[in-house]
Amino acid sequence: MPAIGDPLGIVSGMTRMPKDPIALKIADLAAQAIDASGLLKDGFSFQTGAGGASLAVAEYLKQIMLCKNIKGGFLRSRRDR
């Protein structure tokens, strides 16, 4: 690949929310588990893959974060400073 981020090298068919009720239930439970862990607080960082189930987890986390007024963020590595 001649350049990082070349859109021709990105599989776009995977980046959609699942419609399968089982995948959605698993995603909901995963978001609830993250919330119950105590890790979901201001500054929380979360990265997903492009698959539908992980996008659904992110959507469920978004709803929880909005309800609790939690703002996310990412830390930089030492090399980025």
N, C-alpha and C. Protein backbone atom coordinates (compact mmCIF):
# COMPACT_ATOMS: atom_id res chain seq x y z
N MET A 1 0.85 -1.16 0.00
CA MET A 1 0.00 0.00 0.00
C MET A 1 0.91 1.24 0.00
N PRO A 2 0.73 2.12 -0.95
CA PRO A 2 1.59 3.29 -1.03
C PRO A 2 1.35 4.35 0.04
N ALA A 3 0.17 4.34 0.65
CA ALA A 3 -0.11 5.37 1.66
C ALA A 3 -1.00 4.79 2.76
N ILE A 4 -0.77 5.23 3.99
CA ILE A 4 -1.62 4.82 5.11
C ILE A 4 -2.96 5.54 4.98
N GLY A 5 -4.03 4.82 5.20
CA GLY A 5 -5.35 5.44 5.16
C GLY A 5 -5.94 5.50 3.77
N ASP A 6 -5.39 4.75 2.83
CA ASP A 6 -5.93 4.72 1.48
C ASP A 6 -7.33 4.11 1.53
N PRO A 7 -8.37 4.88 1.18
CA PRO A 7 -9.73 4.39 1.29
C PRO A 7 -10.00 3.16 0.41
N LEU A 8 -9.21 2.95 -0.62
CA LEU A 8 -9.40 1.76 -1.46
C LEU A 8 -9.01 0.48 -0.73
N GLY A 9 -8.21 0.61 0.33
CA GLY A 9 -7.79 -0.56 1.09
C GLY A 9 -8.66 -0.85 2.30
N ILE A 10 -9.72 -0.10 2.46
CA ILE A 10 -10.60 -0.27 3.61
C ILE A 10 -11.84 -1.05 3.19
N VAL A 11 -12.17 -2.09 3.94
CA VAL A 11 -13.36 -2.88 3.66
C VAL A 11 -14.55 -2.14 4.25
N SER A 12 -15.42 -1.64 3.41
CA SER A 12 -16.52 -0.82 3.92
C SER A 12 -17.78 -1.62 4.23
N GLY A 13 -17.89 -2.83 3.75
CA GLY A 13 -19.10 -3.61 4.00
C GLY A 13 -19.26 -4.03 5.44
N MET A 14 -18.18 -4.02 6.20
CA MET A 14 -18.23 -4.46 7.59
C MET A 14 -18.71 -3.37 8.53
N THR A 15 -18.63 -2.12 8.11
CA THR A 15 -18.88 -1.02 9.03
C THR A 15 -20.36 -0.64 9.05
N ARG A 16 -21.17 -1.56 9.53
CA ARG A 16 -22.58 -1.24 9.73
C ARG A 16 -23.10 -1.97 10.96
N MET A 17 -24.08 -1.37 11.58
CA MET A 17 -24.67 -1.94 12.79
C MET A 17 -25.34 -3.27 12.45
N PRO A 18 -25.23 -4.23 13.34
CA PRO A 18 -25.90 -5.51 13.10
C PRO A 18 -27.42 -5.37 13.29
N LYS A 19 -28.14 -6.22 12.62
CA LYS A 19 -29.60 -6.26 12.80
C LYS A 19 -30.01 -7.52 13.56
N ASP A 20 -29.08 -8.43 13.69
CA ASP A 20 -29.32 -9.70 14.38
C ASP A 20 -29.58 -9.44 15.86
N PRO A 21 -30.74 -9.86 16.37
CA PRO A 21 -31.05 -9.59 17.78
C PRO A 21 -30.07 -10.22 18.77
N ILE A 22 -29.47 -11.33 18.40
CA ILE A 22 -28.50 -11.98 19.30
C ILE A 22 -27.23 -11.13 19.39
N ALA A 23 -26.73 -10.64 18.24
CA ALA A 23 -25.55 -9.78 18.25
C ALA A 23 -25.82 -8.49 19.01
N LEU A 24 -27.02 -7.94 18.87
CA LEU A 24 -27.37 -6.72 19.59
C LEU A 24 -27.46 -6.97 21.09
N LYS A 25 -27.98 -8.12 21.50
CA LYS A 25 -28.07 -8.44 22.92
C LYS A 25 -26.67 -8.63 23.52
N ILE A 26 -25.79 -9.31 22.77
CA ILE A 26 -24.41 -9.48 23.24
C ILE A 26 -23.74 -8.13 23.38
N ALA A 27 -23.94 -7.24 22.41
CA ALA A 27 -23.35 -5.91 22.47
C ALA A 27 -23.88 -5.13 23.67
N ASP A 28 -25.18 -5.22 23.92
CA ASP A 28 -25.79 -4.54 25.07
C ASP A 28 -25.19 -5.05 26.37
N LEU A 29 -25.07 -6.37 26.49
CA LEU A 29 -24.49 -6.95 27.71
C LEU A 29 -23.02 -6.56 27.87
N ALA A 30 -22.28 -6.48 26.76
CA ALA A 30 -20.88 -6.06 26.84
C ALA A 30 -20.78 -4.62 27.34
N ALA A 31 -21.65 -3.76 26.84
CA ALA A 31 -21.64 -2.36 27.29
C ALA A 31 -22.01 -2.27 28.77
N GLN A 32 -22.98 -3.06 29.19
CA GLN A 32 -23.36 -3.09 30.61
C GLN A 32 -22.21 -3.57 31.48
N ALA A 33 -21.46 -4.56 30.98
CA ALA A 33 -20.31 -5.09 31.74
C ALA A 33 -19.22 -4.02 31.87
N ILE A 34 -18.98 -3.28 30.79
CA ILE A 34 -17.99 -2.19 30.86
C ILE A 34 -18.44 -1.15 31.87
N ASP A 35 -19.72 -0.81 31.85
CA ASP A 35 -20.27 0.16 32.80
C ASP A 35 -20.14 -0.35 34.24
N ALA A 36 -20.49 -1.61 34.45
CA ALA A 36 -20.44 -2.18 35.80
C ALA A 36 -19.01 -2.34 36.32
N SER A 37 -18.03 -2.37 35.42
CA SER A 37 -16.64 -2.56 35.84
C SER A 37 -16.08 -1.36 36.60
N GLY A 38 -16.74 -0.22 36.46
CA GLY A 38 -16.22 0.99 37.10
C GLY A 38 -15.22 1.74 36.24
N LEU A 39 -14.93 1.22 35.05
CA LEU A 39 -13.96 1.86 34.16
C LEU A 39 -14.58 2.98 33.33
N LEU A 40 -15.89 3.00 33.22
CA LEU A 40 -16.57 3.99 32.39
C LEU A 40 -16.75 5.27 33.19
N LYS A 41 -15.79 6.17 33.02
CA LYS A 41 -15.81 7.45 33.74
C LYS A 41 -15.15 8.49 32.84
N ASP A 42 -15.20 9.76 33.22
CA ASP A 42 -14.60 10.81 32.40
C ASP A 42 -13.17 10.45 32.02
N GLY A 43 -12.85 10.65 30.75
CA GLY A 43 -11.53 10.33 30.24
C GLY A 43 -11.41 8.92 29.71
N PHE A 44 -12.48 8.12 29.80
CA PHE A 44 -12.50 6.74 29.33
C PHE A 44 -12.11 6.67 27.86
N SER A 45 -11.23 5.75 27.52
CA SER A 45 -10.83 5.53 26.13
C SER A 45 -11.29 4.16 25.68
N PHE A 46 -11.82 4.10 24.47
CA PHE A 46 -12.37 2.85 23.95
C PHE A 46 -12.17 2.84 22.45
N GLN A 47 -11.65 1.74 21.94
CA GLN A 47 -11.43 1.62 20.50
C GLN A 47 -12.09 0.34 20.03
N THR A 48 -12.83 0.43 18.94
CA THR A 48 -13.51 -0.75 18.41
C THR A 48 -12.88 -1.18 17.10
N GLY A 49 -13.27 -2.35 16.69
CA GLY A 49 -12.95 -2.80 15.34
C GLY A 49 -14.04 -2.30 14.41
N ALA A 50 -14.02 -2.78 13.19
CA ALA A 50 -14.99 -2.34 12.20
C ALA A 50 -16.20 -3.25 12.12
N GLY A 51 -16.19 -4.33 12.85
CA GLY A 51 -17.31 -5.27 12.79
C GLY A 51 -18.56 -4.71 13.43
N GLY A 52 -19.69 -5.22 13.00
CA GLY A 52 -20.97 -4.72 13.48
C GLY A 52 -21.17 -4.83 14.98
N ALA A 53 -20.76 -5.95 15.57
CA ALA A 53 -20.98 -6.14 17.01
C ALA A 53 -20.20 -5.10 17.82
N SER A 54 -18.97 -4.82 17.43
CA SER A 54 -18.19 -3.83 18.18
C SER A 54 -18.74 -2.42 17.98
N LEU A 55 -19.29 -2.13 16.81
CA LEU A 55 -19.95 -0.84 16.60
C LEU A 55 -21.20 -0.72 17.47
N ALA A 56 -21.90 -1.83 17.63
CA ALA A 56 -23.09 -1.82 18.48
C ALA A 56 -22.70 -1.58 19.94
N VAL A 57 -21.61 -2.17 20.41
CA VAL A 57 -21.13 -1.91 21.77
C VAL A 57 -20.86 -0.42 21.93
N ALA A 58 -20.20 0.17 20.94
CA ALA A 58 -19.89 1.60 21.00
C ALA A 58 -21.17 2.43 21.07
N GLU A 59 -22.19 2.04 20.34
CA GLU A 59 -23.46 2.76 20.36
C GLU A 59 -24.12 2.64 21.73
N TYR A 60 -24.12 1.46 22.31
CA TYR A 60 -24.69 1.27 23.65
C TYR A 60 -23.90 2.06 24.70
N LEU A 61 -22.57 2.07 24.56
CA LEU A 61 -21.75 2.86 25.48
C LEU A 61 -22.06 4.35 25.33
N LYS A 62 -22.27 4.78 24.11
CA LYS A 62 -22.63 6.18 23.88
C LYS A 62 -23.87 6.56 24.67
N GLN A 63 -24.89 5.71 24.62
CA GLN A 63 -26.13 5.99 25.33
C GLN A 63 -25.90 6.06 26.84
N ILE A 64 -25.11 5.13 27.37
CA ILE A 64 -24.79 5.13 28.81
C ILE A 64 -24.03 6.40 29.16
N MET A 65 -23.03 6.75 28.33
CA MET A 65 -22.21 7.92 28.60
C MET A 65 -23.04 9.20 28.55
N LEU A 66 -23.97 9.29 27.62
CA LEU A 66 -24.83 10.47 27.55
C LEU A 66 -25.71 10.58 28.80
N CYS A 67 -26.26 9.46 29.23
CA CYS A 67 -27.12 9.46 30.43
C CYS A 67 -26.34 9.87 31.68
N LYS A 68 -25.08 9.47 31.76
CA LYS A 68 -24.26 9.75 32.94
C LYS A 68 -23.37 10.98 32.77
N ASN A 69 -23.52 11.66 31.63
CA ASN A 69 -22.71 12.85 31.32
C ASN A 69 -21.21 12.55 31.41
N ILE A 70 -20.80 11.42 30.84
CA ILE A 70 -19.40 11.01 30.82
C ILE A 70 -18.79 11.41 29.49
N LYS A 71 -17.63 12.02 29.56
CA LYS A 71 -16.92 12.43 28.35
C LYS A 71 -15.68 11.55 28.19
N GLY A 72 -15.49 11.03 26.99
CA GLY A 72 -14.35 10.16 26.71
C GLY A 72 -13.12 10.94 26.30
N GLY A 73 -12.01 10.24 26.16
CA GLY A 73 -10.76 10.85 25.73
C GLY A 73 -9.72 9.79 25.48
N PHE A 74 -8.66 10.18 24.82
CA PHE A 74 -7.55 9.27 24.57
C PHE A 74 -6.27 9.88 25.12
N LEU A 75 -5.41 9.03 25.62
CA LEU A 75 -4.09 9.46 26.08
C LEU A 75 -3.10 9.30 24.95
N ARG A 76 -2.13 10.13 24.91
CA ARG A 76 -1.07 10.00 23.92
C ARG A 76 0.09 9.22 24.52
N SER A 77 0.81 8.54 23.65
CA SER A 77 2.01 7.86 24.12
C SER A 77 3.11 8.90 24.28
N ARG A 78 4.18 8.54 24.92
CA ARG A 78 5.29 9.48 25.13
C ARG A 78 5.86 9.96 23.80
N ARG A 79 5.86 9.11 22.78
CA ARG A 79 6.41 9.50 21.49
C ARG A 79 5.56 10.59 20.83
N ASP A 80 4.28 10.70 21.17
CA ASP A 80 3.40 11.69 20.57
C ASP A 80 3.53 13.06 21.19
N ARG A 81 4.20 13.18 22.31
CA ARG A 81 4.27 14.46 23.03
C ARG A 81 5.29 15.38 22.44
